[in-house]
C-alpha atoms as a PDB file:
ATOM      1  CA  UNK A   1     -13.178 -19.247  74.950  1.00  0.00           C
ATOM      2  CA  UNK A   2     -12.570 -22.817  76.200  1.00  0.00           C
ATOM      3  CA  UNK A   3     -11.597 -21.663  79.764  1.00  0.00           C
ATOM      4  CA  UNK A   4     -14.790 -19.597  80.050  1.00  0.00           C
ATOM      5  CA  UNK A   5     -16.884 -22.600  79.031  1.00  0.00           C
ATOM      6  CA  UNK A   6     -15.158 -24.837  81.633  1.00  0.00           C
ATOM      7  CA  UNK A   7     -15.573 -22.288  84.459  1.00  0.00           C
ATOM      8  CA  UNK A   8     -19.391 -22.270  84.192  1.00  0.00           C
ATOM      9  CA  UNK A   9     -19.888 -25.887  85.477  1.00  0.00           C
ATOM     10  CA  UNK A  10     -17.414 -25.253  88.294  1.00  0.00           C
ATOM     11  CA  UNK A  11     -19.330 -22.156  89.406  1.00  0.00           C
ATOM     12  CA  UNK A  12     -22.611 -24.111  89.295  1.00  0.00           C
ATOM     13  CA  UNK A  13     -21.042 -26.872  91.433  1.00  0.00           C
ATOM     14  CA  UNK A  14     -19.824 -24.367  94.026  1.00  0.00           C
ATOM     15  CA  UNK A  15     -23.283 -22.782  94.215  1.00  0.00           C
ATOM     16  CA  UNK A  16     -24.952 -26.162  94.717  1.00  0.00           C
ATOM     17  CA  UNK A  17     -22.494 -27.057  97.472  1.00  0.00           C
ATOM     18  CA  UNK A  18     -23.196 -23.758  99.251  1.00  0.00           C
ATOM     19  CA  UNK A  19     -26.955 -24.354  99.035  1.00  0.00           C
ATOM     20  CA  UNK A  20     -26.506 -27.882 100.416  1.00  0.00           C
ATOM     21  CA  UNK A  21     -24.384 -26.642 103.330  1.00  0.00           C
ATOM     22  CA  UNK A  22     -26.971 -23.986 104.191  1.00  0.00           C
ATOM     23  CA  UNK A  23     -29.766 -26.553 104.160  1.00  0.00           C
ATOM     24  CA  UNK A  24     -27.820 -28.928 106.398  1.00  0.00           C
ATOM     25  CA  UNK A  25     -26.964 -26.159 108.844  1.00  0.00           C
ATOM     26  CA  UNK A  26     -30.587 -25.065 109.017  1.00  0.00           C
ATOM     27  CA  UNK A  27     -31.806 -28.618 109.746  1.00  0.00           C
ATOM     28  CA  UNK A  28     -29.171 -29.044 112.439  1.00  0.00           C
ATOM     29  CA  UNK A  29     -30.336 -25.874 114.173  1.00  0.00           C
ATOM     30  CA  UNK A  30     -33.970 -27.046 114.048  1.00  0.00           C
ATOM     31  CA  UNK A  31     -33.093 -30.379 115.630  1.00  0.00           C
ATOM     32  CA  UNK A  32     -31.095 -28.703 118.391  1.00  0.00           C
ATOM     33  CA  UNK A  33     -34.037 -26.545 119.329  1.00  0.00           C
ATOM     34  CA  UNK A  34     -36.385 -29.585 119.508  1.00  0.00           C
ATOM     35  CA  UNK A  35     -34.289 -31.403 122.179  1.00  0.00           C
ATOM     36  CA  UNK A  36     -34.078 -28.543 124.718  1.00  0.00           C
ATOM     37  CA  UNK A  37     -35.257 -29.665 128.113  1.00  0.00           C
ATOM     38  CA  UNK A  38     -35.990 -26.416 129.799  1.00  0.00           C
ATOM     39  CA  UNK A  39     -36.096 -22.728 129.357  1.00  0.00           C
ATOM     40  CA  UNK A  40     -33.946 -20.097 130.811  1.00  0.00           C
ATOM     41  CA  UNK A  41     -35.765 -16.999 131.884  1.00  0.00           C
ATOM     42  CA  UNK A  42     -34.422 -13.909 133.214  1.00  0.00           C
ATOM     43  CA  UNK A  43     -34.322 -14.581 136.934  1.00  0.00           C
ATOM     44  CA  UNK A  44     -35.751 -18.053 137.701  1.00  0.00           C
ATOM     45  CA  UNK A  45     -35.310 -21.685 136.735  1.00  0.00           C
ATOM     46  CA  UNK A  46     -38.245 -24.035 136.555  1.00  0.00           C
ATOM     47  CA  UNK A  47     -37.315 -27.557 137.719  1.00  0.00           C
ATOM     48  CA  UNK A  48     -39.226 -30.572 136.589  1.00  0.00           C
ATOM     49  CA  UNK A  49     -38.880 -34.023 137.997  1.00  0.00           C
ATOM     50  CA  UNK A  50     -38.209 -36.532 135.269  1.00  0.00           C
ATOM     51  CA  UNK A  51     -38.527 -40.289 135.473  1.00  0.00           C
ATOM     52  CA  UNK A  52     -35.199 -41.991 134.822  1.00  0.00           C
ATOM     53  CA  UNK A  53     -36.875 -44.473 132.512  1.00  0.00           C
ATOM     54  CA  UNK A  54     -38.352 -41.596 130.617  1.00  0.00           C
ATOM     55  CA  UNK A  55     -34.907 -40.048 130.393  1.00  0.00           C
ATOM     56  CA  UNK A  56     -33.547 -43.351 129.211  1.00  0.00           C
ATOM     57  CA  UNK A  57     -36.228 -43.627 126.555  1.00  0.00           C
ATOM     58  CA  UNK A  58     -35.653 -40.079 125.514  1.00  0.00           C
ATOM     59  CA  UNK A  59     -31.965 -40.723 125.399  1.00  0.00           C
ATOM     60  CA  UNK A  60     -32.510 -43.793 123.297  1.00  0.00           C
ATOM     61  CA  UNK A  61     -34.838 -41.840 121.032  1.00  0.00           C
ATOM     62  CA  UNK A  62     -32.296 -39.065 120.894  1.00  0.00           C
ATOM     63  CA  UNK A  63     -29.603 -41.533 119.988  1.00  0.00           C
ATOM     64  CA  UNK A  64     -31.836 -43.092 117.377  1.00  0.00           C
ATOM     65  CA  UNK A  65     -32.785 -39.676 116.119  1.00  0.00           C
ATOM     66  CA  UNK A  66     -29.175 -38.649 116.083  1.00  0.00           C
ATOM     67  CA  UNK A  67     -28.262 -41.888 114.405  1.00  0.00           C
ATOM     68  CA  UNK A  68     -31.086 -41.408 111.947  1.00  0.00           C
ATOM     69  CA  UNK A  69     -29.952 -37.814 111.485  1.00  0.00           C
ATOM     70  CA  UNK A  70     -26.395 -38.976 110.951  1.00  0.00           C
ATOM     71  CA  UNK A  71     -27.592 -41.591 108.500  1.00  0.00           C
ATOM     72  CA  UNK A  72     -29.713 -38.970 106.803  1.00  0.00           C
ATOM     73  CA  UNK A  73     -26.712 -36.662 106.860  1.00  0.00           C
ATOM     74  CA  UNK A  74     -24.554 -39.420 105.467  1.00  0.00           C
ATOM     75  CA  UNK A  75     -27.207 -40.204 102.915  1.00  0.00           C
ATOM     76  CA  UNK A  76     -27.464 -36.529 101.982  1.00  0.00           C
ATOM     77  CA  UNK A  77     -23.704 -36.257 101.989  1.00  0.00           C
ATOM     78  CA  UNK A  78     -23.595 -39.397  99.853  1.00  0.00           C
ATOM     79  CA  UNK A  79     -26.237 -37.875  97.575  1.00  0.00           C
ATOM     80  CA  UNK A  80     -24.295 -34.623  97.495  1.00  0.00           C
ATOM     81  CA  UNK A  81     -21.123 -36.611  96.857  1.00  0.00           C
ATOM     82  CA  UNK A  82     -22.904 -38.634  94.197  1.00  0.00           C
ATOM     83  CA  UNK A  83     -24.296 -35.462  92.717  1.00  0.00           C
ATOM     84  CA  UNK A  84     -20.886 -33.827  92.941  1.00  0.00           C
ATOM     85  CA  UNK A  85     -19.337 -36.927  91.422  1.00  0.00           C
ATOM     86  CA  UNK A  86     -22.005 -37.040  88.746  1.00  0.00           C
ATOM     87  CA  UNK A  87     -21.544 -33.326  88.187  1.00  0.00           C
ATOM     88  CA  UNK A  88     -17.793 -33.817  88.057  1.00  0.00           C
ATOM     89  CA  UNK A  89     -18.229 -36.727  85.693  1.00  0.00           C
ATOM     90  CA  UNK A  90     -20.524 -34.542  83.595  1.00  0.00           C
ATOM     91  CA  UNK A  91     -17.956 -31.800  83.797  1.00  0.00           C
ATOM     92  CA  UNK A  92     -15.226 -34.227  82.819  1.00  0.00           C
ATOM     93  CA  UNK A  93     -17.436 -35.599  80.072  1.00  0.00           C
ATOM     94  CA  UNK A  94     -18.230 -32.072  78.939  1.00  0.00           C
ATOM     95  CA  UNK A  95     -14.574 -31.184  79.135  1.00  0.00           C
ATOM     96  CA  UNK A  96     -13.743 -34.312  77.151  1.00  0.00           C
ATOM     97  CA  UNK A  97     -16.515 -33.452  74.707  1.00  0.00           C
ATOM     98  CA  UNK A  98     -15.153 -29.952  74.415  1.00  0.00           C
ATOM     99  CA  UNK A  99     -11.671 -31.371  73.961  1.00  0.00           C
ATOM    100  CA  UNK A 100     -12.958 -33.803  71.368  1.00  0.00           C
ATOM    101  CA  UNK A 101     -14.963 -31.025  69.756  1.00  0.00           C
ATOM    102  CA  UNK A 102     -11.897 -28.810  69.784  1.00  0.00           C
ATOM    103  CA  UNK A 103      -9.818 -31.623  68.302  1.00  0.00           C
ATOM    104  CA  UNK A 104     -12.540 -32.205  65.712  1.00  0.00           C
ATOM    105  CA  UNK A 105     -12.636 -28.504  64.924  1.00  0.00           C
ATOM    106  CA  UNK A 106      -8.856 -28.425  64.691  1.00  0.00           C
ATOM    107  CA  UNK A 107      -8.996 -31.500  62.478  1.00  0.00           C
ATOM    108  CA  UNK A 108     -11.694 -29.949  60.278  1.00  0.00           C
ATOM    109  CA  UNK A 109      -9.744 -26.679  60.190  1.00  0.00           C
ATOM    110  CA  UNK A 110      -6.620 -28.595  59.190  1.00  0.00           C
ATOM    111  CA  UNK A 111      -8.622 -30.477  56.548  1.00  0.00           C
ATOM    112  CA  UNK A 112     -10.070 -27.220  55.273  1.00  0.00           C
ATOM    113  CA  UNK A 113      -6.620 -25.711  55.334  1.00  0.00           C
ATOM    114  CA  UNK A 114      -5.267 -28.723  53.458  1.00  0.00           C
ATOM    115  CA  UNK A 115      -8.152 -28.528  50.968  1.00  0.00           C
ATOM    116  CA  UNK A 116      -7.573 -24.792  50.527  1.00  0.00           C
ATOM    117  CA  UNK A 117      -3.864 -25.430  50.015  1.00  0.00           C
ATOM    118  CA  UNK A 118      -4.691 -28.171  47.506  1.00  0.00           C
ATOM    119  CA  UNK A 119      -7.189 -25.880  45.777  1.00  0.00           C
ATOM    120  CA  UNK A 120      -4.633 -23.066  45.609  1.00  0.00           C
ATOM    121  CA  UNK A 121      -2.011 -25.506  44.348  1.00  0.00           C
ATOM    122  CA  UNK A 122      -4.469 -26.848  41.739  1.00  0.00           C
ATOM    123  CA  UNK A 123      -5.406 -23.330  40.638  1.00  0.00           C
ATOM    124  CA  UNK A 124      -1.739 -22.387  40.515  1.00  0.00           C
ATOM    125  CA  UNK A 125      -0.942 -25.510  38.477  1.00  0.00           C
ATOM    126  CA  UNK A 126      -3.895 -24.793  36.172  1.00  0.00           C
ATOM    127  CA  UNK A 127      -2.802 -21.170  35.800  1.00  0.00           C
ATOM    128  CA  UNK A 128       0.777 -22.234  35.097  1.00  0.00           C
ATOM    129  CA  UNK A 129      -0.473 -24.817  32.584  1.00  0.00           C
ATOM    130  CA  UNK A 130      -2.719 -22.223  30.913  1.00  0.00           C
ATOM    131  CA  UNK A 131       0.141 -19.729  30.888  1.00  0.00           C
ATOM    132  CA  UNK A 132       2.455 -22.369  29.402  1.00  0.00           C
ATOM    133  CA  UNK A 133      -0.138 -23.286  26.770  1.00  0.00           C
ATOM    134  CA  UNK A 134      -0.753 -19.600  26.028  1.00  0.00           C
ATOM    135  CA  UNK A 135       2.975 -18.968  25.788  1.00  0.00           C
ATOM    136  CA  UNK A 136       3.348 -21.993  23.497  1.00  0.00           C
ATOM    137  CA  UNK A 137       0.449 -20.759  21.347  1.00  0.00           C
ATOM    138  CA  UNK A 138       1.907 -17.251  21.222  1.00  0.00           C
ATOM    139  CA  UNK A 139       5.304 -18.686  20.353  1.00  0.00           C
ATOM    140  CA  UNK A 140       3.779 -20.843  17.619  1.00  0.00           C
ATOM    141  CA  UNK A 141       1.846 -17.828  16.313  1.00  0.00           C
ATOM    142  CA  UNK A 142       4.992 -15.698  16.416  1.00  0.00           C
ATOM    143  CA  UNK A 143       6.978 -18.397  14.600  1.00  0.00           C
ATOM    144  CA  UNK A 144       4.187 -18.716  12.024  1.00  0.00           C
ATOM    145  CA  UNK A 145       4.045 -14.945  11.591  1.00  0.00           C
ATOM    146  CA  UNK A 146       7.834 -14.835  11.289  1.00  0.00           C
ATOM    147  CA  UNK A 147       7.753 -17.629   8.709  1.00  0.00           C
ATOM    148  CA  UNK A 148       4.984 -15.878   6.776  1.00  0.00           C
ATOM    149  CA  UNK A 149       6.872 -12.588   6.987  1.00  0.00           C
ATOM    150  CA  UNK A 150      10.065 -14.278   5.800  1.00  0.00           C
ATOM    151  CA  UNK A 151       8.153 -15.934   2.972  1.00  0.00           C
ATOM    152  CA  UNK A 152       6.543 -12.604   2.060  1.00  0.00           C
ATOM    153  CA  UNK A 153       9.901 -10.845   2.181  1.00  0.00           C
ATOM    154  CA  UNK A 154      11.462 -13.618   0.108  1.00  0.00           C
ATOM    155  CA  UNK A 155       8.612 -13.404  -2.397  1.00  0.00           C
ATOM    156  CA  UNK A 156       8.900  -9.617  -2.436  1.00  0.00           C
ATOM    157  CA  UNK A 157      12.652  -9.886  -2.952  1.00  0.00           C
ATOM    158  CA  UNK A 158      12.147 -12.383  -5.752  1.00  0.00           C
ATOM    159  CA  UNK A 159       9.445 -10.198  -7.287  1.00  0.00           C
ATOM    160  CA  UNK A 160      11.655  -7.120  -6.934  1.00  0.00           C
ATOM    161  CA  UNK A 161      14.555  -9.035  -8.498  1.00  0.00           C
ATOM    162  CA  UNK A 162      12.294 -10.192 -11.321  1.00  0.00           C
ATOM    163  CA  UNK A 163      10.930  -6.686 -11.806  1.00  0.00           C
ATOM    164  CA  UNK A 164      14.451  -5.272 -11.668  1.00  0.00           C
ATOM    165  CA  UNK A 165      15.598  -7.815 -14.201  1.00  0.00           C
ATOM    166  CA  UNK A 166      12.559  -7.076 -16.352  1.00  0.00           C
ATOM    167  CA  UNK A 167      13.169  -3.346 -15.985  1.00  0.00           C
ATOM    168  CA  UNK A 168      16.821  -3.792 -16.871  1.00  0.00           C
ATOM    169  CA  UNK A 169      15.874  -5.986 -19.819  1.00  0.00           C
ATOM    170  CA  UNK A 170      13.238  -3.472 -20.886  1.00  0.00           C
ATOM    171  CA  UNK A 171      15.724  -0.655 -20.436  1.00  0.00           C
ATOM    172  CA  UNK A 172      18.278  -2.567 -22.497  1.00  0.00           C
ATOM    173  CA  UNK A 173      15.674  -3.299 -25.137  1.00  0.00           C
ATOM    174  CA  UNK A 174      14.525   0.307 -25.056  1.00  0.00           C
ATOM    175  CA  UNK A 175      18.114   1.517 -25.304  1.00  0.00           C
ATOM    176  CA  UNK A 176      18.726  -0.860 -28.183  1.00  0.00           C
ATOM    177  CA  UNK A 177      15.476   0.248 -29.788  1.00  0.00           C
ATOM    178  CA  UNK A 178      16.357   3.898 -29.239  1.00  0.00           C
ATOM    179  CA  UNK A 179      19.790   3.294 -30.679  1.00  0.00           C
ATOM    180  CA  UNK A 180      18.314   1.475 -33.649  1.00  0.00           C
ATOM    181  CA  UNK A 181      15.692   4.197 -34.009  1.00  0.00           C
ATOM    182  CA  UNK A 182      18.372   6.851 -33.773  1.00  0.00           C
ATOM    183  CA  UNK A 183      20.443   5.064 -36.348  1.00  0.00           C
ATOM    184  CA  UNK A 184      17.361   4.550 -38.495  1.00  0.00           C
ATOM    185  CA  UNK A 185      16.386   8.189 -37.992  1.00  0.00           C
ATOM    186  CA  UNK A 186      19.896   9.282 -38.925  1.00  0.00           C
ATOM    187  CA  UNK A 187      19.762   7.107 -42.004  1.00  0.00           C
ATOM    188  CA  UNK A 188      16.284   8.301 -42.815  1.00  0.00           C
ATOM    189  CA  UNK A 189      17.272  11.884 -42.091  1.00  0.00           C
ATOM    190  CA  UNK A 190      20.294  11.547 -44.368  1.00  0.00           C
ATOM    191  CA  UNK A 191      18.108   9.868 -46.947  1.00  0.00           C
ATOM    192  CA  UNK A 192      15.494  12.555 -46.480  1.00  0.00           C
ATOM    193  CA  UNK A 193      18.087  15.281 -46.761  1.00  0.00           C
ATOM    194  CA  UNK A 194      19.488  13.580 -49.834  1.00  0.00           C
ATOM    195  CA  UNK A 195      16.003  13.110 -51.219  1.00  0.00           C
ATOM    196  CA  UNK A 196      15.190  16.711 -50.374  1.00  0.00           C
ATOM    197  CA  UNK A 197      18.339  17.880 -52.067  1.00  0.00           C
ATOM    198  CA  UNK A 198      17.615  15.689 -55.053  1.00  0.00           C
ATOM    199  CA  UNK A 199      14.012  16.822 -55.004  1.00  0.00           C
ATOM    200  CA  UNK A 200      15.097  20.431 -54.771  1.00  0.00           C
ATOM    201  CA  UNK A 201      17.432  19.891 -57.673  1.00  0.00           C
ATOM    202  CA  UNK A 202      14.686  18.165 -59.594  1.00  0.00           C
ATOM    203  CA  UNK A 203      12.269  20.900 -58.663  1.00  0.00           C
ATOM    204  CA  UNK A 204      14.774  23.542 -59.709  1.00  0.00           C
ATOM    205  CA  UNK A 205      15.337  21.687 -62.955  1.00  0.00           C
ATOM    206  CA  UNK A 206      11.600  21.257 -63.348  1.00  0.00           C
ATOM    207  CA  UNK A 207      11.075  24.903 -62.580  1.00  0.00           C
ATOM    208  CA  UNK A 208      13.704  25.855 -65.048  1.00  0.00           C
ATOM    209  CA  UNK A 209      12.157  23.486 -67.542  1.00  0.00           C
ATOM    210  CA  UNK A 210       8.728  24.850 -66.749  1.00  0.00           C
ATOM    211  CA  UNK A 211      10.014  28.351 -67.154  1.00  0.00           C
ATOM    212  CA  UNK A 212      11.523  27.433 -70.429  1.00  0.00           C
ATOM    213  CA  UNK A 213       8.298  25.679 -71.404  1.00  0.00           C
ATOM    214  CA  UNK A 214       6.339  28.713 -70.325  1.00  0.00           C
ATOM    215  CA  UNK A 215       8.563  30.941 -72.399  1.00  0.00           C
ATOM    216  CA  UNK A 216       8.279  28.502 -75.253  1.00  0.00           C
ATOM    217  CA  UNK A 217       4.537  28.322 -74.748  1.00  0.00           C
ATOM    218  CA  UNK A 218       4.386  32.053 -74.657  1.00  0.00           C
ATOM    219  CA  UNK A 219       6.352  32.171 -77.849  1.00  0.00           C
ATOM    220  CA  UNK A 220       4.212  29.406 -79.301  1.00  0.00           C
ATOM    221  CA  UNK A 221       1.079  31.225 -78.282  1.00  0.00           C
ATOM    222  CA  UNK A 222       2.324  34.364 -79.875  1.00  0.00           C
ATOM    223  CA  UNK A 223       3.230  32.357 -82.906  1.00  0.00           C
ATOM    224  CA  UNK A 224      -0.144  30.621 -82.858  1.00  0.00           C
ATOM    225  CA  UNK A 225      -1.823  33.911 -82.565  1.00  0.00           C
ATOM    226  CA  UNK A 226       0.134  35.043 -85.543  1.00  0.00           C
ATOM    227  CA  UNK A 227      -0.470  31.847 -87.467  1.00  0.00           C
ATOM    228  CA  UNK A 228      -4.124  31.643 -86.547  1.00  0.00           C
ATOM    229  CA  UNK A 229      -3.922  28.809 -84.004  1.00  0.00           C
ATOM    230  CA  UNK A 230      -2.284  26.266 -86.240  1.00  0.00           C
ATOM    231  CA  UNK A 231      -0.170  24.869 -83.362  1.00  0.00           C
ATOM    232  CA  UNK A 232      -3.088  23.808 -81.094  1.00  0.00           C
ATOM    233  CA  UNK A 233      -1.351  20.654 -79.744  1.00  0.00           C
ATOM    234  CA  UNK A 234       0.775  22.497 -77.127  1.00  0.00           C
ATOM    235  CA  UNK A 235       1.991  20.770 -73.887  1.00  0.00           C
ATOM    236  CA  UNK A 236      -0.145  23.167 -71.747  1.00  0.00           C
ATOM    237  CA  UNK A 237      -3.346  21.492 -72.854  1.00  0.00           C
ATOM    238  CA  UNK A 238      -5.809  20.458 -70.063  1.00  0.00           C
ATOM    239  CA  UNK A 239      -5.031  16.731 -70.396  1.00  0.00           C
ATOM    240  CA  UNK A 240      -1.305  17.277 -69.806  1.00  0.00           C
ATOM    241  CA  UNK A 241      -1.920  19.523 -66.779  1.00  0.00           C
ATOM    242  CA  UNK A 242      -4.282  17.027 -65.027  1.00  0.00           C
ATOM    243  CA  UNK A 243      -1.711  14.222 -65.390  1.00  0.00           C
ATOM    244  CA  UNK A 244       0.984  16.309 -63.675  1.00  0.00           C
ATOM    245  CA  UNK A 245      -1.348  17.129 -60.748  1.00  0.00           C
ATOM    246  CA  UNK A 246      -2.173  13.448 -60.175  1.00  0.00           C
ATOM    247  CA  UNK A 247       1.537  12.603 -60.135  1.00  0.00           C
ATOM    248  CA  UNK A 248       2.222  15.264 -57.502  1.00  0.00           C
ATOM    249  CA  UNK A 249      -0.693  14.039 -55.299  1.00  0.00           C
ATOM    250  CA  UNK A 250       0.601  10.462 -55.286  1.00  0.00           C
ATOM    251  CA  UNK A 251       4.046  11.631 -54.198  1.00  0.00           C
ATOM    252  CA  UNK A 252       2.478  13.679 -51.328  1.00  0.00           C
ATOM    253  CA  UNK A 253       0.503  10.651 -49.982  1.00  0.00           C
ATOM    254  CA  UNK A 254       3.696   8.561 -49.847  1.00  0.00           C
ATOM    255  CA  UNK A 255       5.477  11.291 -47.875  1.00  0.00           C
ATOM    256  CA  UNK A 256       2.554  11.511 -45.398  1.00  0.00           C
ATOM    257  CA  UNK A 257       2.612   7.750 -44.782  1.00  0.00           C
ATOM    258  CA  UNK A 258       6.367   7.800 -44.280  1.00  0.00           C
ATOM    259  CA  UNK A 259       6.136  10.681 -41.806  1.00  0.00           C
ATOM    260  CA  UNK A 260       3.412   8.967 -39.780  1.00  0.00           C
ATOM    261  CA  UNK A 261       5.601   5.871 -39.680  1.00  0.00           C
ATOM    262  CA  UNK A 262       8.456   8.000 -38.270  1.00  0.00           C
ATOM    263  CA  UNK A 263       6.095   9.429 -35.602  1.00  0.00           C
ATOM    264  CA  UNK A 264       4.870   5.917 -34.659  1.00  0.00           C
ATOM    265  CA  UNK A 265       8.485   4.729 -34.382  1.00  0.00           C
ATOM    266  CA  UNK A 266       9.370   7.704 -32.119  1.00  0.00           C
ATOM    267  CA  UNK A 267       6.437   6.814 -29.816  1.00  0.00           C
ATOM    268  CA  UNK A 268       7.451   3.126 -29.762  1.00  0.00           C
ATOM    269  CA  UNK A 269      10.964   4.105 -28.620  1.00  0.00           C
ATOM    270  CA  UNK A 270       9.459   5.617 -25.436  1.00  0.00           C
ATOM    271  CA  UNK A 271       6.789   2.958 -24.934  1.00  0.00           C
ATOM    272  CA  UNK A 272       7.335   0.119 -22.428  1.00  0.00           C
ATOM    273  CA  UNK A 273       5.497  -3.144 -23.117  1.00  0.00           C
ATOM    274  CA  UNK A 274       6.624  -5.608 -20.389  1.00  0.00           C
ATOM    275  CA  UNK A 275       5.855  -9.249 -21.184  1.00  0.00           C
ATOM    276  CA  UNK A 276       4.008  -8.007 -24.291  1.00  0.00           C
ATOM    277  CA  UNK A 277       0.838  -7.346 -22.268  1.00  0.00           C
ATOM    278  CA  UNK A 278      -0.431  -4.921 -24.916  1.00  0.00           C
ATOM    279  CA  UNK A 279       0.271  -7.116 -27.911  1.00  0.00           C
ATOM    280  CA  UNK A 280      -2.616  -7.192 -30.364  1.00  0.00           C
ATOM    281  CA  UNK A 281      -4.156  -3.980 -28.932  1.00  0.00           C
ATOM    282  CA  UNK A 282      -4.287  -0.527 -30.547  1.00  0.00           C
ATOM    283  CA  UNK A 283      -4.999   3.108 -29.705  1.00  0.00           C
ATOM    284  CA  UNK A 284      -6.012   6.000 -31.947  1.00  0.00           C
ATOM    285  CA  UNK A 285      -4.006   9.147 -31.101  1.00  0.00           C
ATOM    286  CA  UNK A 286      -4.792  12.713 -32.110  1.00  0.00           C
ATOM    287  CA  UNK A 287      -1.488  14.588 -32.302  1.00  0.00           C
ATOM    288  CA  UNK A 288      -0.882  18.302 -32.830  1.00  0.00           C
ATOM    289  CA  UNK A 289       2.650  19.550 -33.565  1.00  0.00           C
ATOM    290  CA  UNK A 290       4.500  22.772 -34.361  1.00  0.00           C
ATOM    291  CA  UNK A 291       6.385  23.298 -37.641  1.00  0.00           C
ATOM    292  CA  UNK A 292       9.620  22.152 -35.973  1.00  0.00           C
ATOM    293  CA  UNK A 293       8.020  18.923 -34.695  1.00  0.00           C
ATOM    294  CA  UNK A 294       7.393  20.170 -31.124  1.00  0.00           C
ATOM    295  CA  UNK A 295       4.438  18.350 -29.554  1.00  0.00           C
ATOM    296  CA  UNK A 296       1.616  20.778 -28.790  1.00  0.00           C
ATOM    297  CA  UNK A 297      -1.102  18.319 -27.743  1.00  0.00           C
ATOM    298  CA  UNK A 298      -1.924  14.609 -27.721  1.00  0.00           C
ATOM    299  CA  UNK A 299      -5.180  12.822 -26.842  1.00  0.00           C
ATOM    300  CA  UNK A 300      -6.641   9.353 -27.240  1.00  0.00           C
ATOM    301  CA  UNK A 301      -9.814   9.087 -29.304  1.00  0.00           C
ATOM    302  CA  UNK A 302     -10.374   5.330 -29.184  1.00  0.00           C
ATOM    303  CA  UNK A 303      -8.871   1.920 -28.392  1.00  0.00           C
ATOM    304  CA  UNK A 304      -7.747   0.057 -25.260  1.00  0.00           C
ATOM    305  CA  UNK A 305      -7.875   2.370 -22.211  1.00  0.00           C
ATOM    306  CA  UNK A 306      -4.735   1.061 -20.507  1.00  0.00           C
ATOM    307  CA  UNK A 307      -2.788   1.082 -23.751  1.00  0.00           C
ATOM    308  CA  UNK A 308      -4.004   4.605 -24.555  1.00  0.00           C
ATOM    309  CA  UNK A 309      -2.764   5.886 -21.158  1.00  0.00           C
ATOM    310  CA  UNK A 310       0.686   4.436 -21.794  1.00  0.00           C
ATOM    311  CA  UNK A 311       0.703   5.585 -25.431  1.00  0.00           C
ATOM    312  CA  UNK A 312      -0.192   9.180 -24.487  1.00  0.00           C
ATOM    313  CA  UNK A 313       2.580   9.184 -21.844  1.00  0.00           C
ATOM    314  CA  UNK A 314       5.092   7.773 -24.360  1.00  0.00           C
ATOM    315  CA  UNK A 315       4.055  10.369 -26.979  1.00  0.00           C
ATOM    316  CA  UNK A 316       4.765  13.170 -24.501  1.00  0.00           C
ATOM    317  CA  UNK A 317       8.287  11.773 -24.025  1.00  0.00           C
ATOM    318  CA  UNK A 318       8.933  11.068 -27.701  1.00  0.00           C
ATOM    319  CA  UNK A 319      10.971  13.298 -30.025  1.00  0.00           C
ATOM    320  CA  UNK A 320       8.656  14.004 -32.971  1.00  0.00           C
ATOM    321  CA  UNK A 321      10.654  14.478 -36.219  1.00  0.00           C
ATOM    322  CA  UNK A 322      10.391  17.802 -38.023  1.00  0.00           C
ATOM    323  CA  UNK A 323       8.073  17.518 -41.035  1.00  0.00           C
ATOM    324  CA  UNK A 324       8.940  18.799 -44.492  1.00  0.00           C
ATOM    325  CA  UNK A 325       7.759  22.327 -45.210  1.00  0.00           C
ATOM    326  CA  UNK A 326       5.291  21.226 -47.834  1.00  0.00           C
ATOM    327  CA  UNK A 327       3.975  18.449 -45.575  1.00  0.00           C
ATOM    328  CA  UNK A 328       3.306  20.455 -42.380  1.00  0.00           C
ATOM    329  CA  UNK A 329      -0.203  21.561 -43.309  1.00  0.00           C
ATOM    330  CA  UNK A 330      -1.219  17.884 -43.567  1.00  0.00           C
ATOM    331  CA  UNK A 331       0.470  16.684 -40.351  1.00  0.00           C
ATOM    332  CA  UNK A 332       0.064  19.612 -37.955  1.00  0.00           C
ATOM    333  CA  UNK A 333      -3.140  17.881 -36.730  1.00  0.00           C
ATOM    334  CA  UNK A 334      -2.786  14.217 -37.584  1.00  0.00           C
ATOM    335  CA  UNK A 335      -4.393  10.947 -36.493  1.00  0.00           C
ATOM    336  CA  UNK A 336      -2.047   8.014 -35.802  1.00  0.00           C
ATOM    337  CA  UNK A 337      -3.140   4.464 -34.985  1.00  0.00           C
ATOM    338  CA  UNK A 338      -0.567   3.155 -32.513  1.00  0.00           C
ATOM    339  CA  UNK A 339       0.058  -0.583 -32.074  1.00  0.00           C
ATOM    340  CA  UNK A 340       2.883  -1.726 -29.713  1.00  0.00           C
ATOM    341  CA  UNK A 341       5.610  -3.830 -31.272  1.00  0.00           C
END
């Protein structure tokens, strides 16, 4: 690009020099034609007599003209030289300007390159700083998350240990309660069996006594019939019979209360009350059993909802004691108010 720009002034200078040379050659030819002294024709020569003074004057004029022409030529040559010099100086100045412009462009390009390099370096430094800050933030977040996770795991482990300890303590308490209940049930069962045996013996004795009384009453009645009702104060009078019925009813109510207490104790043995959360609460249970004590159905009919759910579940796991034969009709569908211990 720079060589093509420099060649244009040189070409212009060459063209101007050619034009100048043509002009000078043309003027020289015109002057030569003006100083001819005769003509040459084909076959003859015309001779003219010329005064020597005239020739001298003409020669002087010719010399002056030639001198003037030479001066003009020198002047034109000087002008051409001056123009060529001026053109050369312009060319040199233009070349210098182009060089300076090129240097300036190179300088600007280098500055732009330096600025671009600085910009890239600044962007790279900013990106590295942002990446470092992001990495530090991510590391801090990861450390925080790890600390929170460790704390959560530690809390979970502590909670699991506490729950395990509570479960073990509850299991131990339940086992102790079951053992105590079993021992109590064994004692009560032995006492019940003994009471049943004693009761049976008493009932047999009472039956025998009643039979004897019946026979005696029969005899007394026959005797009264014979004697005309003189022995009206017999033991089978209505007042004596109503007293015996009241005595039997009181004994039956005691047995019912004792049996319900045994059922409540069996439910308590299967009921878990951690940290006594159900203390002071109650649930009314409707229980249906078979003659051998097998649980047929259980439902809650009132009380604390959470307690009732646990109480129903414990009742399904409990071993309901077998009721006495004479008591079954009263307990086959019974209502028990359960309160955790």
